[in-house]
C-alpha atoms as a PDB file:
ATOM      1  CA  MET A   1       8.462   7.939  -0.679  1.00  0.00           C
ATOM      2  CA  THR A   2       8.545   4.865   0.986  1.00  0.00           C
ATOM      3  CA  THR A   3       6.630   3.821   3.896  1.00  0.00           C
ATOM      4  CA  LYS A   4       9.796   3.022   5.891  1.00  0.00           C
ATOM      5  CA  LEU A   5      10.492   7.280   5.624  1.00  0.00           C
ATOM      6  CA  PHE A   6       6.868   7.957   6.903  1.00  0.00           C
ATOM      7  CA  ALA A   7       7.421   5.347   9.868  1.00  0.00           C
ATOM      8  CA  THR A   8      10.419   7.146  10.751  1.00  0.00           C
ATOM      9  CA  LYS A   9       8.827  10.546  10.933  1.00  0.00           C
ATOM     10  CA  LEU A  10       5.883   9.393  12.682  1.00  0.00           C
ATOM     11  CA  LYS A  11       7.966   7.903  15.464  1.00  0.00           C
ATOM     12  CA  ASN A  12      10.404  10.856  15.598  1.00  0.00           C
ATOM     13  CA  ALA A  13       6.890  13.196  16.305  1.00  0.00           C
ATOM     14  CA  ARG A  14       5.487  10.884  18.846  1.00  0.00           C
ATOM     15  CA  GLU A  15       8.938  11.101  20.579  1.00  0.00           C
ATOM     16  CA  GLU A  16       9.185  14.768  20.256  1.00  0.00           C
ATOM     17  CA  LYS A  17       5.711  15.030  22.326  1.00  0.00           C
ATOM     18  CA  GLY A  18       6.973  12.331  24.919  1.00  0.00           C
ATOM     19  CA  TYR A  19       3.743   9.938  23.893  1.00  0.00           C
ATOM     20  CA  SER A  20       4.063   6.443  24.103  1.00  0.00           C
ATOM     21  CA  GLN A  21       2.493   4.334  21.452  1.00  0.00           C
ATOM     22  CA  LYS A  22      -0.483   3.873  23.684  1.00  0.00           C
ATOM     23  CA  GLU A  23      -0.821   7.479  24.779  1.00  0.00           C
ATOM     24  CA  LEU A  24      -1.089   8.495  21.048  1.00  0.00           C
ATOM     25  CA  GLY A  25      -3.600   5.897  20.085  1.00  0.00           C
ATOM     26  CA  LEU A  26      -5.597   6.845  22.957  1.00  0.00           C
ATOM     27  CA  ARG A  27      -5.395  10.374  22.343  1.00  0.00           C
ATOM     28  CA  VAL A  28      -6.318   9.699  18.456  1.00  0.00           C
ATOM     29  CA  GLY A  29      -8.620   6.861  19.104  1.00  0.00           C
ATOM     30  CA  LEU A  30      -6.777   4.123  17.878  1.00  0.00           C
ATOM     31  CA  SER A  31      -5.104   1.403  19.346  1.00  0.00           C
ATOM     32  CA  ASP A  32      -1.544   1.079  20.179  1.00  0.00           C
ATOM     33  CA  LYS A  33      -1.325  -1.865  17.797  1.00  0.00           C
ATOM     34  CA  SER A  34      -2.325   0.637  15.110  1.00  0.00           C
ATOM     35  CA  ILE A  35       0.471   3.049  15.852  1.00  0.00           C
ATOM     36  CA  SER A  36       2.995   0.544  16.080  1.00  0.00           C
ATOM     37  CA  ILE A  37       1.917  -0.848  12.474  1.00  0.00           C
ATOM     38  CA  TYR A  38       2.279   2.470  11.185  1.00  0.00           C
ATOM     39  CA  GLU A  39       5.664   2.896  12.903  1.00  0.00           C
ATOM     40  CA  LYS A  40       6.728  -0.272  11.478  1.00  0.00           C
ATOM     41  CA  GLY A  41       6.138   0.966   7.901  1.00  0.00           C
ATOM     42  CA  SER A  42       4.040  -1.784   6.976  1.00  0.00           C
ATOM     43  CA  VAL A  43       0.991   0.535   5.807  1.00  0.00           C
ATOM     44  CA  TYR A  44       0.106   3.722   5.713  1.00  0.00           C
ATOM     45  CA  PRO A  45      -2.937   4.827   7.625  1.00  0.00           C
ATOM     46  CA  PRO A  46      -5.869   5.742   6.194  1.00  0.00           C
ATOM     47  CA  ILE A  47      -6.586   9.634   5.910  1.00  0.00           C
ATOM     48  CA  SER A  48      -8.751  10.256   8.573  1.00  0.00           C
ATOM     49  CA  ASN A  49      -6.422   8.382  10.870  1.00  0.00           C
ATOM     50  CA  LEU A  50      -3.337  10.699   9.432  1.00  0.00           C
ATOM     51  CA  LEU A  51      -5.487  13.792  10.207  1.00  0.00           C
ATOM     52  CA  ARG A  52      -6.054  12.948  13.363  1.00  0.00           C
ATOM     53  CA  ILE A  53      -2.412  11.896  14.361  1.00  0.00           C
ATOM     54  CA  ALA A  54      -1.087  15.320  12.544  1.00  0.00           C
ATOM     55  CA  LYS A  55      -3.405  17.396  14.407  1.00  0.00           C
ATOM     56  CA  GLU A  56      -2.488  15.862  17.647  1.00  0.00           C
ATOM     57  CA  LEU A  57       1.399  15.684  17.222  1.00  0.00           C
ATOM     58  CA  ASP A  58       1.406  19.596  15.795  1.00  0.00           C
ATOM     59  CA  LYS A  59       2.555  18.856  12.402  1.00  0.00           C
ATOM     60  CA  PRO A  60       0.917  19.601   9.041  1.00  0.00           C
ATOM     61  CA  VAL A  61       0.008  16.419   6.731  1.00  0.00           C
ATOM     62  CA  GLY A  62       2.696  17.421   4.538  1.00  0.00           C
ATOM     63  CA  TYR A  63       5.525  16.969   7.336  1.00  0.00           C
ATOM     64  CA  PHE A  64       5.216  13.232   7.288  1.00  0.00           C
ATOM     65  CA  PHE A  65       5.936  12.965   3.334  1.00  0.00           C
ATOM     66  CA  GLU A  66       9.061  15.307   3.172  1.00  0.00           C
ATOM     67  CA  ASN A  67      12.731  14.238   2.928  1.00  0.00           C
END
C-alpha cells in the first residue's frame, strides 16, 4: 500500500461527496492545506484525523487501504 493509492482514494471519496478540500477541512476540523497534503500522498494522516475524515465521507477506514 502506497500513500499515492491512499491519496487517490481520499480525493475520490471527497469528490463523491461534492466537497472542496476547504469544505472537508472545515467539517473535520483541519485546514485545507492538511487535506491537500494527504491528497498529494506526502504523508498518511494521524489516525484521529483519518477517523474524522472517514466518518465525514461515509466510508469505513478500511476503504482507504483497499486496492
